[in-house]
Amino acid sequence: MSGETVLVADDRIDNIDFLRQYVLEPNGYKVKVATDGSQALRIALKEDVDLVISDLVMPNMNGLELMEMLHKAGKTIPTILMTFHGSEETAVNAFRLGARDYIIKPFTVEEMVEAIDRALAEARLRRERDELTRHLLQVNRQLEQHVKELRILYGLGRSVTSLLDLELVLNRVVEAAVYLTGAEEGSLMLIDEESGDLYMRAARGMGEKHARGFRVRVEDSIAGRVLRTGEPIMLGGKRPDNIYKVKTDYFVKSLLNVPLKVGDEVIGVLAVNNRDTARPFSPRHLRMLTALSDYASIAIYNARLYQDLAASRDQIEKWSQDLEAKINERTAALKEAQAQLHRSEKLAALGHMAAGVVHEMSAPISTILGHTRLLGSKLAGDDPVRTSLEAIEREALRCQRTMRSLLAFADRTAPQPQPVDVNELLEIAWRRTENELALQSVEIVRGFDPYLPLVRGDRTQLEQALYQLIRNACESMPFGGTLRLITRSVGQEVQIIVTDTGPGLSSEQLRHVFDPFYSTGEQGQRTGMGLSIAYGVVERHGGTIEVESQPGEGTMFTVHLPLESDGSQ
């Protein structure tokens, strides 16, 4: 992600220019600069800053003091400290004040770019989460509004079939029309068969003075045009000075009239108006008013259209059920999105921590191994100390393997996509597992699709993911069993199925099977990182992993990889 604003605070212009020209601007960051701590503090307090890169030693206020002042001011800005001469105490103080990284000068462009990505990772995830939440809330609000409208229509439909009082039914139609459109007033007019005029049958918001004796001529009125043509009319609301005559001495600023039809015959008009405000009606209002006019027509000719009314009622019930199903589906999708977001945030945070642990522990472990081997070379073959040295070496090597797993888990490098043969990668991953583990008692059964299409993905990362799945399956069968490797093409995706005949997993283990450091094997046998690594790789390729298991029935992992994956997920 680019476009964030980075404040660089350093008393040396050459350092600022280096960061600006070679690190920040080429990567799309906006740059603000300060040559001392006080100036940096003023900029950070007054302007929007996403990241601070500060030298430790500066005039007026050093880097630690700058962080402390920002903390007191309630400004939580990710900060990277730079220094020529670092110390453990300084680093501790920096991280205590909330520093995201601590870099010793001179540094490379790659080191600084990686530090910036780590420092901004949490804020970026939070923005993505907030944007997703806003979008989902907006969709839910729209669904709630649709639910409310459909429930009103549904309730009105039930009233039409159950109420024998025509007056009550028509008044409910008008009330619903005013409520659903937000109109200032509404009316329902029917044609007088003797005079041919339209007369008021039900009204709301017009006042008794206007409603009583309300009649309009079909020849010279807007409602009469709806009656003649059988088509709805929607006017006004675009300009404050718009005005339309409903009848003599009765004007409105916007209106919506729809015909009441029985078959092909138009028998009246359902209308809503805004007299005081120039607020327009919308196509959605037109659809709802048209539905209401159908209910009014059914109520008027209930006996004639009773059979059609029952069909309409069934249709409304189906709408309600479909909408309820959509709401449940949307709710489930929201929960799943929130769960995935939580899992991604947790994995990102653990990955950042794992990278730091590996960085700090690699050198000490290498030193231990080096000195252990050096001492071993100087001892006689029967020296009793050799046994202890060999134990130290074994444990150090185990720590080293653990750190490699941590490093693989922490690696969030974007995949380098290329056409990949999944069948070939499965064979490579199996041979690698076979070379590392004693698998004489494990029988492998292959079910490869010979016409499996290629997928676009990072060959190295996908091989690592498949290796972790196969190794996990083999380690679940220490006393032998059957490993099944199956590939197939389904729709627009390739599926990879890895099945073992091990002891299976409980429901509690299934909930945590992809969590880092969670191991279902014997204590101390694995780091619990393999499935987390596989999950992260597949997720970055736009795919998913499903796991099915029952205690005593083995475990099946299914990897779904999209055929069009470009590795940018």
Protein backbone atom coordinates (compact mmCIF):
# COMPACT_ATOMS: atom_id res chain seq x y z
CA MET A 1 0.00 0.00 0.00
CA SER A 2 1.26 3.51 -0.77
CA GLY A 3 0.05 7.05 -0.30
CA GLU A 4 0.67 7.23 3.46
CA THR A 5 2.33 10.33 4.86
CA VAL A 6 5.75 9.82 6.46
CA LEU A 7 7.41 12.44 8.67
CA VAL A 8 11.24 12.24 8.56
CA ALA A 9 12.97 13.95 11.50
CA ASP A 10 16.78 14.22 11.20
CA ASP A 11 19.25 17.05 11.63
CA ARG A 12 21.24 15.86 8.64
CA ILE A 13 19.84 16.90 5.25
CA ASP A 14 21.74 14.15 3.44
CA ASN A 15 19.94 11.51 5.53
CA ILE A 16 16.59 13.14 4.77
CA ASP A 17 17.38 13.30 1.04
CA PHE A 18 18.44 9.65 1.03
CA LEU A 19 15.18 8.53 2.64
CA ARG A 20 13.09 10.76 0.39
CA GLN A 21 14.79 9.89 -2.94
CA TYR A 22 15.59 6.21 -2.51
CA VAL A 23 13.05 4.85 0.00
CA LEU A 24 9.89 6.91 0.38
CA GLU A 25 9.01 8.66 -2.89
CA PRO A 26 9.86 5.64 -5.14
CA ASN A 27 7.40 3.61 -3.04
CA GLY A 28 4.61 6.18 -3.30
CA TYR A 29 4.82 7.71 0.19
CA LYS A 30 4.14 11.40 0.87
CA VAL A 31 7.04 13.00 2.73
CA LYS A 32 7.19 15.71 5.41
CA VAL A 33 10.55 16.69 6.92
CA ALA A 34 11.81 18.24 10.14
CA THR A 35 15.41 19.04 11.07
CA ASP A 36 14.95 18.88 14.83
CA GLY A 37 12.66 17.25 17.38
CA SER A 38 10.64 20.36 18.21
CA GLN A 39 9.77 20.99 14.58
CA ALA A 40 8.82 17.33 14.15
CA LEU A 41 6.53 17.54 17.20
CA ARG A 42 4.72 20.58 15.80
CA ILE A 43 4.16 18.91 12.44
CA ALA A 44 2.96 15.65 14.01
CA LEU A 45 0.48 17.47 16.26
CA LYS A 46 -0.96 19.74 13.55
CA GLU A 47 -1.00 17.51 10.45
CA ASP A 48 -2.06 13.98 9.55
CA VAL A 49 0.99 11.76 9.77
CA ASP A 50 0.88 7.97 9.34
CA LEU A 51 4.50 7.17 10.28
CA VAL A 52 7.43 8.96 11.95
CA ILE A 53 11.04 8.07 11.05
CA SER A 54 13.19 9.89 13.59
CA ASP A 55 16.89 10.11 14.34
CA LEU A 56 17.65 9.33 17.97
CA VAL A 57 20.00 12.31 18.44
CA MET A 58 18.67 15.72 17.29
CA PRO A 59 18.85 19.34 18.44
CA ASN A 60 16.20 20.74 20.82
CA MET A 61 14.52 17.37 21.35
CA ASN A 62 15.87 13.86 20.71
CA GLY A 63 13.94 10.95 19.24
CA LEU A 64 12.93 9.44 22.59
CA GLU A 65 11.74 12.80 23.89
CA LEU A 66 9.73 13.29 20.67
CA MET A 67 8.00 9.95 21.19
CA GLU A 68 7.32 10.76 24.84
CA MET A 69 5.76 14.15 23.94
CA LEU A 70 3.57 12.55 21.27
CA HIS A 71 2.49 9.91 23.79
CA LYS A 72 1.54 12.61 26.33
CA ALA A 73 -0.40 14.47 23.64
CA GLY A 74 -2.44 11.35 22.92
CA LYS A 75 -1.03 10.93 19.39
CA THR A 76 -0.47 7.26 18.59
CA ILE A 77 1.77 7.34 15.51
CA PRO A 78 3.95 4.34 14.51
CA THR A 79 7.59 5.36 14.91
CA ILE A 80 10.93 4.02 13.61
CA LEU A 81 14.07 5.23 15.45
CA MET A 82 17.46 5.54 13.70
CA THR A 83 20.84 5.83 15.42
CA PHE A 84 24.55 5.34 14.76
CA HIS A 85 25.27 4.03 18.23
CA GLY A 86 22.51 1.88 19.66
CA SER A 87 22.36 0.23 23.03
CA GLU A 88 20.08 -2.31 24.66
CA GLU A 89 18.84 0.27 27.17
CA THR A 90 17.99 2.75 24.40
CA ALA A 91 16.16 0.06 22.46
CA VAL A 92 14.15 -0.93 25.55
CA ASN A 93 13.15 2.70 26.15
CA ALA A 94 12.20 3.10 22.49
CA PHE A 95 9.94 0.05 22.48
CA ARG A 96 8.48 1.04 25.86
CA LEU A 97 7.38 4.32 24.29
CA GLY A 98 5.76 2.45 21.41
CA ALA A 99 8.47 2.38 18.73
CA ARG A 100 7.69 -0.12 15.97
CA ASP A 101 11.33 -0.59 14.93
CA TYR A 102 14.88 0.38 15.89
CA ILE A 103 17.42 0.68 13.04
CA ILE A 104 21.18 1.13 13.28
CA LYS A 105 22.81 3.42 10.73
CA PRO A 106 23.98 2.92 8.07
CA PHE A 107 21.12 0.89 6.70
CA THR A 108 20.14 -0.37 3.27
CA VAL A 109 17.11 0.67 1.27
CA GLU A 110 15.68 -2.84 1.65
CA GLU A 111 16.08 -2.74 5.45
CA MET A 112 14.21 0.54 5.72
CA VAL A 113 11.46 -0.51 3.28
CA GLU A 114 10.88 -3.70 5.31
CA ALA A 115 10.86 -1.71 8.57
CA ILE A 116 8.28 0.73 7.14
CA ASP A 117 6.07 -2.15 5.96
CA ARG A 118 6.22 -3.75 9.41
CA ALA A 119 5.47 -0.46 11.18
CA LEU A 120 2.45 0.31 8.97
CA ALA A 121 1.09 -3.25 8.81
CA GLU A 122 -1.20 -2.90 11.82
CA ALA A 123 -2.63 0.47 10.70
CA ARG A 124 -3.22 -0.89 7.19
CA LEU A 125 -5.05 -3.92 8.53
CA ARG A 126 -7.13 -1.70 10.78
CA ARG A 127 -8.10 0.53 7.83
CA GLU A 128 -9.03 -2.49 5.74
CA ARG A 129 -11.08 -3.87 8.62
CA ASP A 130 -12.86 -0.53 9.14
CA GLU A 131 -13.61 -0.23 5.42
CA LEU A 132 -14.99 -3.75 5.32
CA THR A 133 -17.07 -3.09 8.43
CA ARG A 134 -18.44 0.15 6.95
CA HIS A 135 -19.36 -1.62 3.74
CA LEU A 136 -21.06 -4.48 5.56
CA LEU A 137 -22.96 -2.09 7.83
CA GLN A 138 -24.15 -0.15 4.80
CA VAL A 139 -25.36 -3.33 3.12
CA ASN A 140 -27.07 -4.43 6.34
CA ARG A 141 -28.83 -1.06 6.65
CA GLN A 142 -30.11 -1.42 3.11
CA LEU A 143 -31.29 -4.95 3.85
CA GLU A 144 -33.01 -3.79 7.03
CA GLN A 145 -34.82 -1.08 5.07
CA HIS A 146 -35.91 -3.62 2.45
CA VAL A 147 -37.05 -5.98 5.19
CA LYS A 148 -39.10 -3.23 6.82
CA GLU A 149 -40.73 -2.28 3.52
CA LEU A 150 -41.52 -5.87 2.57
CA ARG A 151 -42.93 -6.60 6.01
CA ILE A 152 -45.27 -3.63 5.67
CA LEU A 153 -46.34 -4.82 2.23
CA TYR A 154 -46.71 -8.33 3.57
CA GLY A 155 -48.76 -7.14 6.55
CA LEU A 156 -50.97 -5.08 4.28
CA GLY A 157 -51.50 -8.05 2.01
CA ARG A 158 -52.67 -10.14 4.94
CA SER A 159 -55.05 -7.34 5.98
CA VAL A 160 -56.59 -7.26 2.53
CA THR A 161 -57.41 -10.96 2.75
CA SER A 162 -58.70 -10.86 6.33
CA LEU A 163 -60.56 -7.54 6.67
CA LEU A 164 -64.11 -7.19 5.40
CA ASP A 165 -64.26 -3.43 6.15
CA LEU A 166 -63.33 -1.85 2.79
CA GLU A 167 -63.00 1.60 4.36
CA LEU A 168 -60.42 0.36 6.82
CA VAL A 169 -58.45 -1.47 4.13
CA LEU A 170 -58.29 1.58 1.82
CA ASN A 171 -57.19 3.87 4.65
CA ARG A 172 -54.44 1.41 5.51
CA VAL A 173 -53.31 1.47 1.89
CA VAL A 174 -52.97 5.27 1.97
CA GLU A 175 -51.22 5.24 5.35
CA ALA A 176 -48.72 2.74 4.03
CA ALA A 177 -48.17 4.81 0.87
CA VAL A 178 -47.35 7.93 2.94
CA TYR A 179 -45.08 6.00 5.31
CA LEU A 180 -43.11 4.10 2.67
CA THR A 181 -42.52 7.16 0.46
CA GLY A 182 -42.06 9.71 3.27
CA ALA A 183 -44.66 11.92 1.58
CA GLU A 184 -46.44 14.80 3.29
CA GLU A 185 -49.87 13.58 2.17
CA GLY A 186 -51.56 10.76 0.30
CA SER A 187 -54.91 9.96 -1.23
CA LEU A 188 -56.86 7.25 -3.02
CA MET A 189 -59.39 8.34 -5.65
CA LEU A 190 -61.94 6.19 -7.47
CA ILE A 191 -63.92 6.93 -10.60
CA ASP A 192 -67.54 7.93 -10.17
CA GLU A 193 -69.37 5.88 -12.78
CA GLU A 194 -72.24 8.40 -12.97
CA SER A 195 -70.29 11.64 -13.41
CA GLY A 196 -67.02 10.20 -14.71
CA ASP A 197 -65.03 12.30 -12.19
CA LEU A 198 -62.47 11.08 -9.67
CA TYR A 199 -63.59 11.40 -6.06
CA MET A 200 -61.66 11.00 -2.78
CA ARG A 201 -62.11 7.56 -1.17
CA ALA A 202 -59.35 7.69 1.48
CA ALA A 203 -56.80 10.34 2.47
CA ARG A 204 -54.02 11.11 4.95
CA GLY A 205 -52.31 14.41 5.78
CA MET A 206 -54.60 16.56 3.63
CA GLY A 207 -56.87 17.80 6.39
CA GLU A 208 -60.63 17.38 6.59
CA LYS A 209 -61.23 20.69 4.83
CA HIS A 210 -59.51 19.56 1.61
CA ALA A 211 -60.46 15.87 1.82
CA ARG A 212 -64.20 16.39 2.15
CA GLY A 213 -65.86 16.64 -1.24
CA PHE A 214 -62.49 16.32 -3.06
CA ARG A 215 -63.19 15.80 -6.78
CA VAL A 216 -61.17 16.29 -9.94
CA ARG A 217 -62.20 16.20 -13.57
CA VAL A 218 -60.63 13.50 -15.72
CA GLU A 219 -60.23 15.82 -18.71
CA ASP A 220 -58.03 18.53 -17.16
CA SER A 221 -56.09 17.01 -14.24
CA ILE A 222 -52.87 15.05 -13.69
CA ALA A 223 -54.77 12.23 -11.97
CA GLY A 224 -57.19 12.19 -14.94
CA ARG A 225 -54.23 11.70 -17.31
CA VAL A 226 -53.14 8.64 -15.24
CA LEU A 227 -56.70 7.30 -15.46
CA ARG A 228 -56.84 7.80 -19.25
CA THR A 229 -53.40 6.36 -20.07
CA GLY A 230 -53.12 3.74 -17.33
CA GLU A 231 -49.49 4.89 -16.78
CA PRO A 232 -48.02 6.39 -13.56
CA ILE A 233 -46.81 10.01 -13.39
CA MET A 234 -43.93 11.30 -11.24
CA LEU A 235 -43.24 15.06 -11.28
CA GLY A 236 -41.36 17.81 -9.42
CA GLY A 237 -38.87 18.04 -6.62
CA LYS A 238 -35.91 19.11 -8.75
CA ARG A 239 -36.27 22.88 -8.20
CA PRO A 240 -37.74 24.81 -5.24
CA ASP A 241 -39.98 26.86 -7.56
CA ASN A 242 -41.63 23.79 -9.16
CA ILE A 243 -45.40 23.83 -8.69
CA TYR A 244 -48.17 21.59 -10.05
CA LYS A 245 -51.95 21.89 -9.90
CA VAL A 246 -53.79 18.91 -8.47
CA LYS A 247 -57.14 20.69 -8.66
CA THR A 248 -58.39 24.25 -8.55
CA ASP A 249 -56.70 26.12 -5.68
CA TYR A 250 -54.68 23.03 -4.71
CA PHE A 251 -50.98 23.02 -5.68
CA VAL A 252 -48.04 20.79 -4.77
CA LYS A 253 -44.25 20.86 -5.35
CA SER A 254 -43.86 17.16 -6.20
CA LEU A 255 -46.23 14.28 -6.80
CA LEU A 256 -46.44 10.59 -7.67
CA ASN A 257 -49.68 9.10 -9.05
CA VAL A 258 -50.19 5.45 -9.98
CA PRO A 259 -53.27 3.83 -11.49
CA LEU A 260 -55.52 1.34 -9.71
CA LYS A 261 -56.17 -1.46 -12.17
CA VAL A 262 -58.43 -4.46 -12.30
CA GLY A 263 -57.23 -6.46 -15.25
CA ASP A 264 -56.89 -3.96 -18.10
CA GLU A 265 -59.45 -1.57 -16.59
CA VAL A 266 -58.26 1.51 -14.63
CA ILE A 267 -60.71 2.22 -11.79
CA GLY A 268 -58.87 4.89 -9.78
CA VAL A 269 -55.60 6.58 -8.75
CA LEU A 270 -53.34 6.23 -5.69
CA ALA A 271 -51.38 9.44 -5.11
CA VAL A 272 -48.75 10.93 -2.78
CA ASN A 273 -47.76 14.62 -2.74
CA ASN A 274 -45.31 17.04 -1.13
CA ARG A 275 -46.96 20.42 -0.72
CA ASP A 276 -44.35 22.30 1.32
CA THR A 277 -40.97 20.78 0.38
CA ALA A 278 -39.55 20.25 -3.10
CA ARG A 279 -38.46 16.66 -2.42
CA PRO A 280 -38.61 14.33 -5.43
CA PHE A 281 -39.95 10.81 -5.44
CA SER A 282 -37.79 7.93 -6.70
CA PRO A 283 -38.26 4.79 -8.82
CA ARG A 284 -38.23 2.80 -5.57
CA HIS A 285 -41.22 4.83 -4.34
CA LEU A 286 -42.91 4.13 -7.67
CA ARG A 287 -42.44 0.37 -7.24
CA MET A 288 -43.84 0.40 -3.70
CA LEU A 289 -46.80 2.61 -4.62
CA THR A 290 -47.59 0.34 -7.56
CA ALA A 291 -47.62 -2.62 -5.17
CA LEU A 292 -49.94 -0.74 -2.83
CA SER A 293 -52.29 0.12 -5.67
CA ASP A 294 -52.56 -3.58 -6.44
CA TYR A 295 -53.66 -4.24 -2.85
CA ALA A 296 -56.27 -1.49 -3.06
CA SER A 297 -57.64 -2.94 -6.29
CA ILE A 298 -57.81 -6.39 -4.71
CA ALA A 299 -59.65 -4.99 -1.70
CA ILE A 300 -62.20 -3.24 -3.90
CA TYR A 301 -62.89 -6.31 -6.00
CA ASN A 302 -62.08 -8.93 -3.40
CA ALA A 303 -64.72 -11.39 -4.49
CA ARG A 304 -63.71 -11.14 -8.14
CA LEU A 305 -60.00 -11.47 -7.53
CA TYR A 306 -59.93 -13.65 -4.43
CA GLN A 307 -58.01 -16.43 -6.16
CA ASP A 308 -55.37 -13.99 -7.45
CA LEU A 309 -55.10 -12.53 -3.95
CA ALA A 310 -54.17 -15.94 -2.52
CA ALA A 311 -51.43 -16.28 -5.14
CA SER A 312 -50.14 -12.80 -4.28
CA ARG A 313 -50.09 -13.70 -0.60
CA ASP A 314 -48.03 -16.81 -1.32
CA GLN A 315 -45.65 -14.72 -3.39
CA ILE A 316 -45.19 -12.24 -0.56
CA GLU A 317 -44.51 -15.06 1.87
CA LYS A 318 -41.89 -16.39 -0.53
CA TRP A 319 -40.30 -12.91 -0.73
CA SER A 320 -40.16 -12.81 3.03
CA GLN A 321 -38.56 -16.26 3.22
CA ASP A 322 -36.06 -15.46 0.47
CA LEU A 323 -35.17 -12.19 2.14
CA GLU A 324 -34.77 -13.91 5.51
CA ALA A 325 -32.48 -16.45 3.85
CA LYS A 326 -30.45 -13.64 2.29
CA ILE A 327 -30.18 -11.92 5.67
CA ASN A 328 -28.98 -15.15 7.27
CA GLU A 329 -26.51 -15.65 4.43
CA ARG A 330 -25.23 -12.08 4.79
CA THR A 331 -24.93 -12.47 8.56
CA ALA A 332 -22.96 -15.70 8.15
CA ALA A 333 -20.71 -14.02 5.57
CA LEU A 334 -20.13 -11.11 7.95
CA LYS A 335 -19.19 -13.45 10.79
CA GLU A 336 -16.86 -15.39 8.50
CA ALA A 337 -15.27 -12.14 7.24
CA GLN A 338 -14.78 -10.94 10.81
CA ALA A 339 -13.27 -14.30 11.78
CA GLN A 340 -10.89 -14.23 8.80
CA LEU A 341 -9.94 -10.64 9.57
CA HIS A 342 -9.26 -11.55 13.21
CA ARG A 343 -7.20 -14.56 12.13
CA SER A 344 -5.21 -12.45 9.62
CA GLU A 345 -4.53 -9.78 12.24
CA LYS A 346 -3.37 -12.42 14.71
CA LEU A 347 -1.14 -14.14 12.15
CA ALA A 348 0.37 -10.81 11.06
CA ALA A 349 1.16 -9.85 14.64
CA LEU A 350 2.65 -13.27 15.39
CA GLY A 351 4.62 -13.14 12.15
CA HIS A 352 6.12 -9.80 13.13
CA MET A 353 7.04 -11.20 16.53
CA ALA A 354 8.46 -14.39 15.00
CA ALA A 355 10.68 -12.43 12.64
CA GLY A 356 12.06 -10.48 15.59
CA VAL A 357 12.71 -13.66 17.60
CA VAL A 358 14.55 -15.30 14.71
CA HIS A 359 16.62 -12.16 14.17
CA GLU A 360 17.66 -12.06 17.82
CA MET A 361 18.26 -15.81 18.28
CA SER A 362 20.02 -16.78 15.03
CA ALA A 363 23.42 -15.44 16.01
CA PRO A 364 23.49 -16.97 19.54
CA ILE A 365 22.42 -20.38 18.25
CA SER A 366 25.06 -20.28 15.49
CA THR A 367 27.67 -19.34 18.08
CA ILE A 368 26.63 -22.25 20.34
CA LEU A 369 26.88 -24.70 17.43
CA GLY A 370 30.23 -23.34 16.33
CA HIS A 371 31.82 -23.52 19.78
CA THR A 372 30.27 -26.94 20.47
CA ARG A 373 31.78 -28.39 17.30
CA LEU A 374 35.11 -26.70 18.01
CA LEU A 375 35.25 -28.20 21.51
CA GLY A 376 34.21 -31.59 20.14
CA SER A 377 37.09 -31.55 17.67
CA LYS A 378 39.56 -31.04 20.52
CA LEU A 379 38.27 -33.89 22.71
CA ALA A 380 39.37 -37.47 22.64
CA GLY A 381 36.87 -39.97 21.28
CA ASP A 382 36.24 -41.50 24.73
CA ASP A 383 36.08 -38.22 26.63
CA PRO A 384 32.89 -38.27 28.81
CA VAL A 385 32.32 -34.58 28.05
CA ARG A 386 31.64 -35.50 24.40
CA THR A 387 28.22 -36.93 25.34
CA SER A 388 27.18 -33.60 26.84
CA LEU A 389 28.49 -31.69 23.84
CA GLU A 390 26.52 -33.94 21.48
CA ALA A 391 23.35 -33.30 23.52
CA ILE A 392 24.00 -29.55 23.33
CA GLU A 393 24.49 -29.78 19.57
CA ARG A 394 21.26 -31.78 19.09
CA GLU A 395 19.20 -29.27 21.05
CA ALA A 396 20.82 -26.32 19.28
CA LEU A 397 20.03 -27.89 15.91
CA ARG A 398 16.43 -28.42 17.05
CA CYS A 399 16.25 -24.73 18.00
CA GLN A 400 17.64 -23.88 14.57
CA ARG A 401 14.94 -25.96 12.84
CA THR A 402 12.32 -24.24 14.96
CA MET A 403 13.66 -20.85 13.91
CA ARG A 404 13.48 -21.86 10.25
CA SER A 405 9.80 -22.72 10.78
CA LEU A 406 9.27 -19.37 12.47
CA LEU A 407 10.97 -17.61 9.58
CA ALA A 408 8.81 -19.42 7.04
CA PHE A 409 5.70 -18.45 9.02
CA ALA A 410 6.79 -14.80 9.28
CA ASP A 411 7.52 -14.55 5.55
CA ARG A 412 4.62 -12.54 4.07
CA THR A 413 6.38 -12.06 0.71
CA ALA A 414 3.93 -11.65 -2.14
CA PRO A 415 3.91 -14.72 -4.43
CA GLN A 416 5.77 -14.56 -7.76
CA PRO A 417 3.14 -16.11 -10.04
CA GLN A 418 3.96 -18.49 -12.87
CA PRO A 419 2.20 -21.50 -14.41
CA VAL A 420 2.48 -24.37 -11.91
CA ASP A 421 1.81 -28.10 -12.30
CA VAL A 422 0.20 -29.10 -8.98
CA ASN A 423 0.71 -32.82 -9.63
CA GLU A 424 4.46 -32.25 -10.01
CA LEU A 425 4.62 -30.17 -6.83
CA LEU A 426 2.83 -32.91 -4.86
CA GLU A 427 5.43 -35.44 -5.99
CA ILE A 428 8.28 -33.12 -5.00
CA ALA A 429 6.70 -32.44 -1.61
CA TRP A 430 6.19 -36.19 -1.04
CA ARG A 431 9.81 -37.05 -1.92
CA ARG A 432 11.03 -34.31 0.41
CA THR A 433 8.92 -35.72 3.25
CA GLU A 434 10.03 -39.26 2.45
CA ASN A 435 13.69 -38.22 2.66
CA GLU A 436 13.25 -36.48 6.02
CA LEU A 437 11.03 -39.01 7.84
CA ALA A 438 11.13 -42.76 8.30
CA LEU A 439 8.04 -43.68 6.28
CA GLN A 440 8.51 -47.37 5.59
CA SER A 441 5.14 -48.14 7.18
CA VAL A 442 3.20 -45.40 5.34
CA GLU A 443 1.50 -46.46 2.11
CA ILE A 444 0.88 -43.70 -0.43
CA VAL A 445 -2.10 -43.77 -2.82
CA ARG A 446 -2.10 -41.25 -5.68
CA GLY A 447 -5.21 -40.08 -7.47
CA PHE A 448 -3.85 -37.39 -9.78
CA ASP A 449 -6.00 -35.90 -12.54
CA PRO A 450 -3.86 -36.39 -15.70
CA TYR A 451 -5.61 -33.47 -17.38
CA LEU A 452 -5.31 -31.11 -14.41
CA PRO A 453 -4.97 -27.51 -15.66
CA LEU A 454 -2.04 -25.39 -14.54
CA VAL A 455 -2.58 -22.78 -11.86
CA ARG A 456 -0.79 -19.46 -11.57
CA GLY A 457 1.14 -19.27 -8.34
CA ASP A 458 4.49 -19.09 -6.61
CA ARG A 459 6.10 -22.48 -7.17
CA THR A 460 8.32 -22.33 -4.06
CA GLN A 461 5.56 -21.17 -1.70
CA LEU A 462 3.02 -23.72 -2.98
CA GLU A 463 5.56 -26.53 -2.67
CA GLN A 464 6.22 -25.46 0.93
CA ALA A 465 2.47 -25.47 1.71
CA LEU A 466 1.96 -28.95 0.22
CA TYR A 467 5.04 -30.24 2.03
CA GLN A 468 3.66 -29.01 5.35
CA LEU A 469 0.30 -30.72 4.72
CA ILE A 470 1.92 -34.02 3.68
CA ARG A 471 4.37 -33.98 6.57
CA ASN A 472 1.55 -33.26 9.03
CA ALA A 473 -0.41 -36.22 7.62
CA CYS A 474 2.59 -38.58 7.84
CA GLU A 475 3.46 -37.54 11.39
CA SER A 476 -0.11 -38.31 12.44
CA MET A 477 0.57 -41.97 11.48
CA PRO A 478 3.72 -42.89 13.47
CA PHE A 479 2.75 -46.58 13.45
CA GLY A 480 1.81 -46.72 9.80
CA GLY A 481 -1.22 -45.95 7.68
CA THR A 482 -2.35 -44.78 4.27
CA LEU A 483 -1.64 -41.37 2.77
CA ARG A 484 -3.91 -40.38 -0.13
CA LEU A 485 -2.97 -37.52 -2.47
CA ILE A 486 -5.75 -36.53 -4.88
CA THR A 487 -6.03 -33.70 -7.41
CA ARG A 488 -9.03 -32.67 -9.46
CA SER A 489 -10.46 -29.74 -11.39
CA VAL A 490 -13.85 -28.44 -10.25
CA GLY A 491 -15.31 -25.44 -12.06
CA GLN A 492 -12.85 -22.54 -11.92
CA GLU A 493 -10.58 -24.07 -9.30
CA VAL A 494 -8.12 -26.87 -8.69
CA GLN A 495 -8.61 -29.00 -5.58
CA ILE A 496 -5.83 -30.81 -3.74
CA ILE A 497 -6.91 -33.44 -1.18
CA VAL A 498 -4.51 -34.82 1.44
CA THR A 499 -5.98 -37.63 3.56
CA ASP A 500 -4.45 -39.69 6.35
CA THR A 501 -5.67 -42.65 8.42
CA GLY A 502 -4.33 -41.24 11.69
CA PRO A 503 -6.24 -40.86 14.98
CA GLY A 504 -8.31 -37.94 13.69
CA LEU A 505 -9.07 -34.66 15.44
CA SER A 506 -11.63 -33.62 18.02
CA SER A 507 -13.92 -30.63 17.48
CA GLU A 508 -11.72 -28.60 19.84
CA GLN A 509 -8.58 -29.47 17.85
CA LEU A 510 -10.33 -28.59 14.59
CA ARG A 511 -11.06 -25.07 15.88
CA HIS A 512 -7.36 -24.45 16.47
CA VAL A 513 -5.73 -26.62 13.82
CA PHE A 514 -4.37 -23.61 11.84
CA ASP A 515 -3.32 -21.60 14.93
CA PRO A 516 0.44 -20.98 15.21
CA PHE A 517 2.23 -23.09 17.87
CA TYR A 518 -0.79 -25.38 18.21
CA SER A 519 0.27 -28.99 17.69
CA THR A 520 -1.94 -32.09 17.60
CA GLY A 521 1.09 -34.44 17.70
CA GLU A 522 3.24 -35.66 20.56
CA GLN A 523 4.63 -32.98 22.83
CA GLY A 524 7.94 -31.67 21.56
CA GLN A 525 7.74 -33.37 18.17
CA ARG A 526 6.70 -30.33 16.12
CA THR A 527 6.69 -26.56 16.50
CA GLY A 528 3.00 -26.36 15.56
CA MET A 529 3.83 -23.99 12.66
CA GLY A 530 3.40 -26.25 9.61
CA LEU A 531 -0.36 -25.88 9.11
CA SER A 532 -0.16 -22.15 9.87
CA ILE A 533 2.46 -21.79 7.13
CA ALA A 534 0.29 -23.76 4.68
CA TYR A 535 -2.77 -21.67 5.56
CA GLY A 536 -0.89 -18.41 4.97
CA VAL A 537 0.48 -19.52 1.58
CA VAL A 538 -2.91 -20.68 0.28
CA GLU A 539 -4.59 -17.50 1.55
CA ARG A 540 -2.00 -15.34 -0.28
CA HIS A 541 -2.87 -17.22 -3.47
CA GLY A 542 -6.56 -16.38 -3.10
CA GLY A 543 -7.46 -19.91 -2.05
CA THR A 544 -8.86 -21.66 1.01
CA ILE A 545 -8.16 -24.79 3.06
CA GLU A 546 -10.94 -26.96 4.48
CA VAL A 547 -10.37 -29.66 7.08
CA GLU A 548 -12.67 -32.56 7.93
CA SER A 549 -11.98 -35.05 10.71
CA GLN A 550 -13.54 -37.29 13.31
CA PRO A 551 -11.73 -38.97 16.21
CA GLY A 552 -10.59 -42.41 15.09
CA GLU A 553 -11.42 -41.78 11.40
CA GLY A 554 -8.42 -39.89 10.08
CA THR A 555 -8.22 -36.35 8.69
CA MET A 556 -8.77 -34.83 5.25
CA PHE A 557 -7.41 -31.43 4.14
CA THR A 558 -8.83 -29.93 0.92
CA VAL A 559 -6.98 -27.04 -0.74
CA HIS A 560 -8.97 -24.85 -3.16
CA LEU A 561 -6.82 -22.83 -5.61
CA PRO A 562 -8.47 -20.57 -8.21
CA LEU A 563 -7.37 -21.15 -11.79
CA GLU A 564 -7.06 -17.41 -12.41
CA SER A 565 -5.11 -16.67 -9.21
CA ASP A 566 -2.48 -14.01 -9.84
CA GLY A 567 -0.92 -14.34 -6.42
CA SER A 568 -1.97 -10.86 -5.33
CA GLN A 569 -4.33 -11.87 -2.56
